[in-house]
Amino acid sequence: MRTGNNVQTLSKLMEDKELAEEFRKFLEYQQHSIENLNFILWYKAYKKKFSGLSGQEQDKSPTCKPSKKRKKLSTSASNSISAQPQNQPFRQEVEEVISVYFNKLSQFELNLPEEIQSYTLDQLRSSTHPDCFLKAYEHVHYLIQSSSIPEFMACKYPQPTKTPSRLRNFFKSL
């Protein structure tokens, strides 16, 4: 809960089951952006699951290449992952995540800048390493932290408004 200038973080908010459920409903029914929270929660679980793999299994999915100026992928190429190496860990799960959160036709597509969307899809062509999702995760986390949480807290704990002094003086004069 927010008290004074204490800023609520997503981690702290999610620790409180009741508050987390209210936040989830707020995202789903008021902001219509539940996919942001679902993606963040999925990413954290995926990163933990990936880190639990043996080193040999992790090596099948190299870390991502640094971002460079690159030529734009065609829409069909960027939405297709059929050429992916099938021996990488969690490839099927990654394909499903791409279909849900990175497909322009999905109702749960993340609201990402084109540069981040293209970069992420490009990285996922050659790896299932969690770092391939990092830029998308950071952007979505920023949106929740800087917009969704403050709006939720303002709805949940509205600040009393002060009556403007001119209006107060007007009522005193009556």
C-alpha atoms as a PDB file:
ATOM      1  CA  MET A   1       0.000   0.000   0.000  1.00  0.00           C
ATOM      2  CA  ARG A   2       1.084   3.537  -0.620  1.00  0.00           C
ATOM      3  CA  THR A   3       1.674   5.835   2.255  1.00  0.00           C
ATOM      4  CA  GLY A   4       2.983   9.346   1.815  1.00  0.00           C
ATOM      5  CA  ASN A   5       5.658   9.445  -0.856  1.00  0.00           C
ATOM      6  CA  ASN A   6       6.276   5.687  -0.762  1.00  0.00           C
ATOM      7  CA  VAL A   7       6.126   4.568  -4.381  1.00  0.00           C
ATOM      8  CA  GLN A   8       4.597   1.168  -5.010  1.00  0.00           C
ATOM      9  CA  THR A   9       6.714  -1.218  -7.051  1.00  0.00           C
ATOM     10  CA  LEU A  10       5.366  -4.140  -9.000  1.00  0.00           C
ATOM     11  CA  SER A  11       7.244  -6.604  -6.791  1.00  0.00           C
ATOM     12  CA  LYS A  12       5.811  -5.130  -3.595  1.00  0.00           C
ATOM     13  CA  LEU A  13       2.341  -4.901  -5.087  1.00  0.00           C
ATOM     14  CA  MET A  14       2.374  -8.559  -6.169  1.00  0.00           C
ATOM     15  CA  GLU A  15       3.409  -9.708  -2.664  1.00  0.00           C
ATOM     16  CA  ASP A  16      -0.018  -8.717  -1.341  1.00  0.00           C
ATOM     17  CA  LYS A  17      -2.428 -11.327  -2.781  1.00  0.00           C
ATOM     18  CA  GLU A  18      -5.528  -9.161  -2.386  1.00  0.00           C
ATOM     19  CA  LEU A  19      -3.890  -6.069  -3.855  1.00  0.00           C
ATOM     20  CA  ALA A  20      -2.384  -8.146  -6.671  1.00  0.00           C
ATOM     21  CA  GLU A  21      -5.831  -9.471  -7.595  1.00  0.00           C
ATOM     22  CA  GLU A  22      -7.279  -5.946  -7.578  1.00  0.00           C
ATOM     23  CA  PHE A  23      -4.408  -4.762  -9.775  1.00  0.00           C
ATOM     24  CA  ARG A  24      -4.978  -7.658 -12.166  1.00  0.00           C
ATOM     25  CA  LYS A  25      -8.667  -6.695 -12.470  1.00  0.00           C
ATOM     26  CA  PHE A  26      -7.721  -3.048 -12.950  1.00  0.00           C
ATOM     27  CA  LEU A  27      -5.393  -3.978 -15.820  1.00  0.00           C
ATOM     28  CA  GLU A  28      -7.952  -6.271 -17.399  1.00  0.00           C
ATOM     29  CA  TYR A  29     -11.138  -4.212 -17.088  1.00  0.00           C
ATOM     30  CA  GLN A  30      -9.990  -0.605 -16.893  1.00  0.00           C
ATOM     31  CA  GLN A  31      -6.683  -0.343 -18.726  1.00  0.00           C
ATOM     32  CA  HIS A  32      -7.282  -3.327 -21.009  1.00  0.00           C
ATOM     33  CA  SER A  33      -3.616  -4.249 -20.699  1.00  0.00           C
ATOM     34  CA  ILE A  34      -3.570  -7.493 -18.703  1.00  0.00           C
ATOM     35  CA  GLU A  35      -1.153  -8.914 -21.276  1.00  0.00           C
ATOM     36  CA  ASN A  36       1.575  -6.678 -19.835  1.00  0.00           C
ATOM     37  CA  LEU A  37       1.346  -8.267 -16.402  1.00  0.00           C
ATOM     38  CA  ASN A  38       0.936 -11.760 -17.830  1.00  0.00           C
ATOM     39  CA  PHE A  39       4.059 -11.308 -19.966  1.00  0.00           C
ATOM     40  CA  ILE A  40       6.102 -10.031 -17.017  1.00  0.00           C
ATOM     41  CA  LEU A  41       5.038 -12.943 -14.827  1.00  0.00           C
ATOM     42  CA  TRP A  42       5.701 -15.414 -17.639  1.00  0.00           C
ATOM     43  CA  TYR A  43       9.160 -13.915 -18.305  1.00  0.00           C
ATOM     44  CA  LYS A  44      10.219 -14.134 -14.664  1.00  0.00           C
ATOM     45  CA  ALA A  45       9.104 -17.783 -14.452  1.00  0.00           C
ATOM     46  CA  TYR A  46      10.751 -18.586 -17.793  1.00  0.00           C
ATOM     47  CA  LYS A  47      14.052 -17.019 -16.754  1.00  0.00           C
ATOM     48  CA  LYS A  48      14.030 -19.073 -13.553  1.00  0.00           C
ATOM     49  CA  LYS A  49      13.148 -22.264 -15.441  1.00  0.00           C
ATOM     50  CA  PHE A  50      15.897 -21.622 -18.010  1.00  0.00           C
ATOM     51  CA  SER A  51      18.498 -20.996 -15.309  1.00  0.00           C
ATOM     52  CA  GLY A  52      17.594 -24.383 -13.823  1.00  0.00           C
ATOM     53  CA  LEU A  53      18.783 -26.162 -16.973  1.00  0.00           C
ATOM     54  CA  SER A  54      22.174 -27.818 -17.090  1.00  0.00           C
ATOM     55  CA  GLY A  55      24.953 -25.777 -18.661  1.00  0.00           C
ATOM     56  CA  GLN A  56      24.946 -28.125 -21.640  1.00  0.00           C
ATOM     57  CA  GLU A  57      21.232 -27.496 -22.259  1.00  0.00           C
ATOM     58  CA  GLN A  58      21.632 -23.737 -21.800  1.00  0.00           C
ATOM     59  CA  ASP A  59      24.474 -23.720 -24.333  1.00  0.00           C
ATOM     60  CA  LYS A  60      22.014 -24.844 -27.027  1.00  0.00           C
ATOM     61  CA  SER A  61      20.488 -21.359 -26.787  1.00  0.00           C
ATOM     62  CA  PRO A  62      23.229 -18.753 -27.110  1.00  0.00           C
ATOM     63  CA  THR A  63      22.832 -15.355 -25.515  1.00  0.00           C
ATOM     64  CA  CYS A  64      21.543 -12.654 -27.804  1.00  0.00           C
ATOM     65  CA  LYS A  65      23.599 -10.694 -30.269  1.00  0.00           C
ATOM     66  CA  PRO A  66      24.092  -7.012 -29.493  1.00  0.00           C
ATOM     67  CA  SER A  67      21.633  -4.645 -31.122  1.00  0.00           C
ATOM     68  CA  LYS A  68      22.910  -3.164 -34.372  1.00  0.00           C
ATOM     69  CA  LYS A  69      21.431  -1.232 -37.223  1.00  0.00           C
ATOM     70  CA  ARG A  70      19.980  -3.976 -39.327  1.00  0.00           C
ATOM     71  CA  LYS A  71      17.774  -4.303 -42.314  1.00  0.00           C
ATOM     72  CA  LYS A  72      14.067  -4.523 -41.603  1.00  0.00           C
ATOM     73  CA  LEU A  73      12.576  -7.996 -41.725  1.00  0.00           C
ATOM     74  CA  SER A  74       9.520  -8.541 -43.848  1.00  0.00           C
ATOM     75  CA  THR A  75       6.296  -8.953 -41.870  1.00  0.00           C
ATOM     76  CA  SER A  76       5.925 -12.576 -42.864  1.00  0.00           C
ATOM     77  CA  ALA A  77       9.539 -13.314 -41.999  1.00  0.00           C
ATOM     78  CA  SER A  78       9.343 -11.565 -38.646  1.00  0.00           C
ATOM     79  CA  ASN A  79       6.166 -13.404 -37.650  1.00  0.00           C
ATOM     80  CA  SER A  80       7.418 -16.799 -38.751  1.00  0.00           C
ATOM     81  CA  ILE A  81       9.721 -18.893 -36.660  1.00  0.00           C
ATOM     82  CA  SER A  82       9.466 -22.128 -38.612  1.00  0.00           C
ATOM     83  CA  ALA A  83      13.196 -22.040 -39.446  1.00  0.00           C
ATOM     84  CA  GLN A  84      14.158 -22.129 -35.748  1.00  0.00           C
ATOM     85  CA  PRO A  85      16.497 -24.823 -34.414  1.00  0.00           C
ATOM     86  CA  GLN A  86      14.181 -27.390 -32.855  1.00  0.00           C
ATOM     87  CA  ASN A  87      16.786 -28.781 -30.460  1.00  0.00           C
ATOM     88  CA  GLN A  88      16.829 -25.673 -28.265  1.00  0.00           C
ATOM     89  CA  PRO A  89      15.224 -25.918 -24.838  1.00  0.00           C
ATOM     90  CA  PHE A  90      11.681 -24.605 -24.556  1.00  0.00           C
ATOM     91  CA  ARG A  91      11.395 -23.886 -28.301  1.00  0.00           C
ATOM     92  CA  GLN A  92       7.684 -24.815 -28.368  1.00  0.00           C
ATOM     93  CA  GLU A  93       6.959 -22.547 -25.404  1.00  0.00           C
ATOM     94  CA  VAL A  94       8.826 -19.670 -27.059  1.00  0.00           C
ATOM     95  CA  GLU A  95       6.825 -20.180 -30.262  1.00  0.00           C
ATOM     96  CA  GLU A  96       3.601 -19.983 -28.259  1.00  0.00           C
ATOM     97  CA  VAL A  97       4.765 -16.809 -26.512  1.00  0.00           C
ATOM     98  CA  ILE A  98       5.613 -15.241 -29.871  1.00  0.00           C
ATOM     99  CA  SER A  99       2.167 -16.172 -31.133  1.00  0.00           C
ATOM    100  CA  VAL A 100       0.439 -14.612 -28.123  1.00  0.00           C
ATOM    101  CA  TYR A 101       2.524 -11.503 -27.357  1.00  0.00           C
ATOM    102  CA  PHE A 102       4.396 -10.619 -30.561  1.00  0.00           C
ATOM    103  CA  ASN A 103       1.887 -11.425 -33.306  1.00  0.00           C
ATOM    104  CA  LYS A 104       0.159  -8.363 -34.740  1.00  0.00           C
ATOM    105  CA  LEU A 105      -3.061 -10.370 -35.109  1.00  0.00           C
ATOM    106  CA  SER A 106      -3.152 -11.462 -31.466  1.00  0.00           C
ATOM    107  CA  GLN A 107      -5.567  -9.768 -29.100  1.00  0.00           C
ATOM    108  CA  PHE A 108      -2.801  -9.944 -26.484  1.00  0.00           C
ATOM    109  CA  GLU A 109      -0.021  -8.388 -28.565  1.00  0.00           C
ATOM    110  CA  LEU A 110       2.260  -6.264 -26.409  1.00  0.00           C
ATOM    111  CA  ASN A 111       2.371  -2.550 -27.154  1.00  0.00           C
ATOM    112  CA  LEU A 112       6.043  -2.387 -28.106  1.00  0.00           C
ATOM    113  CA  PRO A 113       7.941   0.048 -30.291  1.00  0.00           C
ATOM    114  CA  GLU A 114       8.611  -1.524 -33.693  1.00  0.00           C
ATOM    115  CA  GLU A 115      12.354  -1.504 -33.005  1.00  0.00           C
ATOM    116  CA  ILE A 116      11.968  -3.638 -29.854  1.00  0.00           C
ATOM    117  CA  GLN A 117       9.434  -5.961 -31.477  1.00  0.00           C
ATOM    118  CA  SER A 118      11.661  -6.558 -34.515  1.00  0.00           C
ATOM    119  CA  TYR A 119      14.784  -6.959 -32.399  1.00  0.00           C
ATOM    120  CA  THR A 120      13.104  -9.520 -30.134  1.00  0.00           C
ATOM    121  CA  LEU A 121      11.720 -11.557 -33.028  1.00  0.00           C
ATOM    122  CA  ASP A 122      15.086 -11.443 -34.781  1.00  0.00           C
ATOM    123  CA  GLN A 123      16.876 -12.713 -31.659  1.00  0.00           C
ATOM    124  CA  LEU A 124      14.343 -15.497 -31.174  1.00  0.00           C
ATOM    125  CA  ARG A 125      15.120 -16.851 -34.649  1.00  0.00           C
ATOM    126  CA  SER A 126      18.388 -18.246 -33.336  1.00  0.00           C
ATOM    127  CA  SER A 127      17.897 -18.649 -29.593  1.00  0.00           C
ATOM    128  CA  THR A 128      15.421 -19.337 -26.819  1.00  0.00           C
ATOM    129  CA  HIS A 129      17.656 -17.667 -24.221  1.00  0.00           C
ATOM    130  CA  PRO A 130      15.664 -15.437 -21.823  1.00  0.00           C
ATOM    131  CA  ASP A 131      17.873 -12.452 -22.695  1.00  0.00           C
ATOM    132  CA  CYS A 132      16.232 -12.427 -26.135  1.00  0.00           C
ATOM    133  CA  PHE A 133      13.076 -11.164 -24.386  1.00  0.00           C
ATOM    134  CA  LEU A 134      14.908  -8.689 -22.144  1.00  0.00           C
ATOM    135  CA  LYS A 135      14.270  -5.484 -24.132  1.00  0.00           C
ATOM    136  CA  ALA A 136      10.565  -6.330 -24.413  1.00  0.00           C
ATOM    137  CA  TYR A 137      10.421  -7.190 -20.711  1.00  0.00           C
ATOM    138  CA  GLU A 138      12.145  -3.932 -19.713  1.00  0.00           C
ATOM    139  CA  HIS A 139       9.792  -1.862 -21.872  1.00  0.00           C
ATOM    140  CA  VAL A 140       6.638  -3.553 -20.577  1.00  0.00           C
ATOM    141  CA  HIS A 141       7.908  -3.358 -16.990  1.00  0.00           C
ATOM    142  CA  TYR A 142       8.548   0.363 -17.481  1.00  0.00           C
ATOM    143  CA  LEU A 143       4.974   0.848 -18.771  1.00  0.00           C
ATOM    144  CA  ILE A 144       3.507  -0.898 -15.751  1.00  0.00           C
ATOM    145  CA  GLN A 145       5.788   0.860 -13.283  1.00  0.00           C
ATOM    146  CA  SER A 146       5.422   4.358 -14.731  1.00  0.00           C
ATOM    147  CA  SER A 147       1.790   4.299 -15.847  1.00  0.00           C
ATOM    148  CA  SER A 148      -0.343   1.365 -14.724  1.00  0.00           C
ATOM    149  CA  ILE A 149       0.689   1.283 -11.066  1.00  0.00           C
ATOM    150  CA  PRO A 150       0.360   5.053 -10.484  1.00  0.00           C
ATOM    151  CA  GLU A 151      -3.084   5.031 -12.148  1.00  0.00           C
ATOM    152  CA  PHE A 152      -4.149   2.018 -10.102  1.00  0.00           C
ATOM    153  CA  MET A 153      -2.957   3.603  -6.867  1.00  0.00           C
ATOM    154  CA  ALA A 154      -4.711   6.874  -7.726  1.00  0.00           C
ATOM    155  CA  CYS A 155      -7.975   4.967  -8.265  1.00  0.00           C
ATOM    156  CA  LYS A 156      -7.542   2.907  -5.119  1.00  0.00           C
ATOM    157  CA  TYR A 157      -6.310   5.705  -2.869  1.00  0.00           C
ATOM    158  CA  PRO A 158      -7.609   8.989  -4.309  1.00  0.00           C
ATOM    159  CA  GLN A 159      -6.003  12.110  -2.919  1.00  0.00           C
ATOM    160  CA  PRO A 160      -8.391  14.641  -1.411  1.00  0.00           C
ATOM    161  CA  THR A 161      -8.677  17.697  -3.583  1.00  0.00           C
ATOM    162  CA  LYS A 162      -8.246  21.118  -2.092  1.00  0.00           C
ATOM    163  CA  THR A 163     -10.924  23.662  -2.660  1.00  0.00           C
ATOM    164  CA  PRO A 164      -9.401  26.567  -4.581  1.00  0.00           C
ATOM    165  CA  SER A 165      -9.001  29.642  -2.378  1.00  0.00           C
ATOM    166  CA  ARG A 166     -11.200  31.809  -4.642  1.00  0.00           C
ATOM    167  CA  LEU A 167     -14.020  29.294  -4.318  1.00  0.00           C
ATOM    168  CA  ARG A 168     -13.505  29.041  -0.547  1.00  0.00           C
ATOM    169  CA  ASN A 169     -13.625  32.841  -0.257  1.00  0.00           C
ATOM    170  CA  PHE A 170     -16.778  32.959  -2.355  1.00  0.00           C
ATOM    171  CA  PHE A 171     -18.585  30.575   0.016  1.00  0.00           C
ATOM    172  CA  LYS A 172     -17.349  32.500   3.063  1.00  0.00           C
ATOM    173  CA  SER A 173     -18.841  35.690   1.664  1.00  0.00           C
ATOM    174  CA  LEU A 174     -22.326  34.183   1.445  1.00  0.00           C
END
